[in-house]
Amino acid sequence: MTDFLKNLSFKSRIWIACTLLVTAAIVVNGYMNYRIASQIVERNAIQYNIDAIRKSSQIFDEKLKKMLAVVTSLMITEELVTRSGQPMKLTGNNCPSIYL
């Protein structure tokens, strides 16, 4: 390798040195940009996952609250039916709102 460089002219050695420096700078710059971008993407992915879990949790809580309201309404309706002694007809105006 050293014989190859010794046989080159000074102008060619300078050109090779400049080319290597520019190439090294581009490679280092590309690597640093990749590292920064990968950290940003990872941080955003983690934040997106956290937000998605929170949203799913909120939706699940809302569904459970609705189910609790329906079950409570059914329990109250059943209690009214058993107190009156006669089964309640679920037609017309006396139909509970959960059946609509």
C-alpha atoms as a PDB file:
ATOM      1  CA  MET A   1       0.000   0.000   0.000  1.00  0.00           C
ATOM      2  CA  THR A   2       2.810   2.419   0.858  1.00  0.00           C
ATOM      3  CA  ASP A   3       4.514   1.613  -2.450  1.00  0.00           C
ATOM      4  CA  PHE A   4       1.301   2.548  -4.222  1.00  0.00           C
ATOM      5  CA  LEU A   5       1.156   5.920  -2.441  1.00  0.00           C
ATOM      6  CA  LYS A   6       4.861   6.609  -3.057  1.00  0.00           C
ATOM      7  CA  ASN A   7       4.437   6.056  -6.785  1.00  0.00           C
ATOM      8  CA  LEU A   8       1.625   8.627  -7.006  1.00  0.00           C
ATOM      9  CA  SER A   9       2.238  12.266  -7.697  1.00  0.00           C
ATOM     10  CA  PHE A  10       1.763  14.847  -4.953  1.00  0.00           C
ATOM     11  CA  LYS A  11      -1.374  16.144  -6.683  1.00  0.00           C
ATOM     12  CA  SER A  12      -2.891  12.648  -6.718  1.00  0.00           C
ATOM     13  CA  ARG A  13      -2.054  12.104  -3.025  1.00  0.00           C
ATOM     14  CA  ILE A  14      -3.749  15.399  -2.086  1.00  0.00           C
ATOM     15  CA  TRP A  15      -6.792  14.456  -4.172  1.00  0.00           C
ATOM     16  CA  ILE A  16      -7.016  11.008  -2.471  1.00  0.00           C
ATOM     17  CA  ALA A  17      -6.598  12.570   0.989  1.00  0.00           C
ATOM     18  CA  CYS A  18      -9.354  15.129   0.326  1.00  0.00           C
ATOM     19  CA  THR A  19     -11.617  12.433  -1.078  1.00  0.00           C
ATOM     20  CA  LEU A  20     -11.076  10.258   2.000  1.00  0.00           C
ATOM     21  CA  LEU A  21     -11.729  13.191   4.363  1.00  0.00           C
ATOM     22  CA  VAL A  22     -14.944  14.137   2.587  1.00  0.00           C
ATOM     23  CA  THR A  23     -16.063  10.510   2.489  1.00  0.00           C
ATOM     24  CA  ALA A  24     -15.292  10.082   6.211  1.00  0.00           C
ATOM     25  CA  ALA A  25     -17.226  13.273   7.030  1.00  0.00           C
ATOM     26  CA  ILE A  26     -20.237  12.080   5.038  1.00  0.00           C
ATOM     27  CA  VAL A  27     -20.160   8.655   6.700  1.00  0.00           C
ATOM     28  CA  VAL A  28     -19.920  10.148  10.211  1.00  0.00           C
ATOM     29  CA  ASN A  29     -22.675  12.653   9.432  1.00  0.00           C
ATOM     30  CA  GLY A  30     -24.935   9.895   8.086  1.00  0.00           C
ATOM     31  CA  TYR A  31     -24.305   7.709  11.126  1.00  0.00           C
ATOM     32  CA  MET A  32     -25.067  10.544  13.556  1.00  0.00           C
ATOM     33  CA  ASN A  33     -28.249  11.432  11.653  1.00  0.00           C
ATOM     34  CA  TYR A  34     -29.297   7.796  11.786  1.00  0.00           C
ATOM     35  CA  ARG A  35     -28.690   7.641  15.549  1.00  0.00           C
ATOM     36  CA  ILE A  36     -30.653  10.826  16.212  1.00  0.00           C
ATOM     37  CA  ALA A  37     -33.543   9.757  13.961  1.00  0.00           C
ATOM     38  CA  SER A  38     -33.715   6.287  15.504  1.00  0.00           C
ATOM     39  CA  GLN A  39     -33.885   7.772  19.013  1.00  0.00           C
ATOM     40  CA  ILE A  40     -36.674  10.140  17.960  1.00  0.00           C
ATOM     41  CA  VAL A  41     -38.630   7.334  16.276  1.00  0.00           C
ATOM     42  CA  GLU A  42     -38.215   5.107  19.334  1.00  0.00           C
ATOM     43  CA  ARG A  43     -39.370   7.870  21.674  1.00  0.00           C
ATOM     44  CA  ASN A  44     -42.392   8.603  19.464  1.00  0.00           C
ATOM     45  CA  ALA A  45     -43.278   4.905  19.238  1.00  0.00           C
ATOM     46  CA  ILE A  46     -43.188   4.553  23.013  1.00  0.00           C
ATOM     47  CA  GLN A  47     -45.345   7.659  23.436  1.00  0.00           C
ATOM     48  CA  TYR A  48     -47.805   6.371  20.819  1.00  0.00           C
ATOM     49  CA  ASN A  49     -48.078   3.033  22.624  1.00  0.00           C
ATOM     50  CA  ILE A  50     -48.697   4.790  25.943  1.00  0.00           C
ATOM     51  CA  ASP A  51     -51.384   6.975  24.362  1.00  0.00           C
ATOM     52  CA  ALA A  52     -53.027   3.958  22.702  1.00  0.00           C
ATOM     53  CA  ILE A  53     -53.116   2.075  26.006  1.00  0.00           C
ATOM     54  CA  ARG A  54     -54.627   5.088  27.777  1.00  0.00           C
ATOM     55  CA  LYS A  55     -57.283   5.461  25.085  1.00  0.00           C
ATOM     56  CA  SER A  56     -58.118   1.737  25.233  1.00  0.00           C
ATOM     57  CA  SER A  57     -58.370   1.985  29.002  1.00  0.00           C
ATOM     58  CA  GLN A  58     -60.756   4.941  28.747  1.00  0.00           C
ATOM     59  CA  ILE A  59     -62.936   3.122  26.216  1.00  0.00           C
ATOM     60  CA  PHE A  60     -62.955  -0.004  28.396  1.00  0.00           C
ATOM     61  CA  ASP A  61     -63.934   2.066  31.458  1.00  0.00           C
ATOM     62  CA  GLU A  62     -66.772   3.717  29.524  1.00  0.00           C
ATOM     63  CA  LYS A  63     -68.075   0.331  28.374  1.00  0.00           C
ATOM     64  CA  LEU A  64     -67.931  -1.005  31.928  1.00  0.00           C
ATOM     65  CA  LYS A  65     -69.843   2.035  33.226  1.00  0.00           C
ATOM     66  CA  LYS A  66     -72.520   1.499  30.582  1.00  0.00           C
ATOM     67  CA  MET A  67     -72.752  -2.177  31.499  1.00  0.00           C
ATOM     68  CA  LEU A  68     -73.037  -1.257  35.177  1.00  0.00           C
ATOM     69  CA  ALA A  69     -75.891   1.114  34.343  1.00  0.00           C
ATOM     70  CA  VAL A  70     -77.677  -1.581  32.329  1.00  0.00           C
ATOM     71  CA  VAL A  71     -77.246  -4.205  35.046  1.00  0.00           C
ATOM     72  CA  THR A  72     -78.428  -1.775  37.717  1.00  0.00           C
ATOM     73  CA  SER A  73     -81.453  -0.895  35.588  1.00  0.00           C
ATOM     74  CA  LEU A  74     -82.242  -4.582  35.082  1.00  0.00           C
ATOM     75  CA  MET A  75     -81.952  -5.228  38.812  1.00  0.00           C
ATOM     76  CA  ILE A  76     -84.315  -2.349  39.585  1.00  0.00           C
ATOM     77  CA  THR A  77     -86.766  -3.559  36.935  1.00  0.00           C
ATOM     78  CA  GLU A  78     -86.649  -7.091  38.350  1.00  0.00           C
ATOM     79  CA  GLU A  79     -87.201  -5.740  41.845  1.00  0.00           C
ATOM     80  CA  LEU A  80     -90.282  -3.813  40.660  1.00  0.00           C
ATOM     81  CA  VAL A  81     -91.649  -6.920  38.957  1.00  0.00           C
ATOM     82  CA  THR A  82     -91.243  -9.079  42.041  1.00  0.00           C
ATOM     83  CA  ARG A  83     -92.798  -6.454  44.343  1.00  0.00           C
ATOM     84  CA  SER A  84     -95.879  -5.970  42.234  1.00  0.00           C
ATOM     85  CA  GLY A  85     -96.548  -9.709  42.180  1.00  0.00           C
ATOM     86  CA  GLN A  86     -97.404  -9.733  38.513  1.00  0.00           C
ATOM     87  CA  PRO A  87     -94.999  -9.868  35.618  1.00  0.00           C
ATOM     88  CA  MET A  88     -94.456  -6.542  33.869  1.00  0.00           C
ATOM     89  CA  LYS A  89     -95.398  -6.432  30.222  1.00  0.00           C
ATOM     90  CA  LEU A  90     -92.587  -4.905  28.200  1.00  0.00           C
ATOM     91  CA  THR A  91     -94.732  -3.328  25.519  1.00  0.00           C
ATOM     92  CA  GLY A  92     -95.990   0.156  24.953  1.00  0.00           C
ATOM     93  CA  ASN A  93     -95.244   3.040  27.308  1.00  0.00           C
ATOM     94  CA  ASN A  94     -94.072   0.960  30.291  1.00  0.00           C
ATOM     95  CA  CYS A  95     -91.083  -0.480  28.389  1.00  0.00           C
ATOM     96  CA  PRO A  96     -87.813   0.457  30.171  1.00  0.00           C
ATOM     97  CA  SER A  97     -85.414   2.553  28.117  1.00  0.00           C
ATOM     98  CA  ILE A  98     -82.790  -0.207  28.049  1.00  0.00           C
ATOM     99  CA  TYR A  99     -85.046  -2.283  25.803  1.00  0.00           C
ATOM    100  CA  LEU A 100     -85.543   0.434  23.218  1.00  0.00           C
END
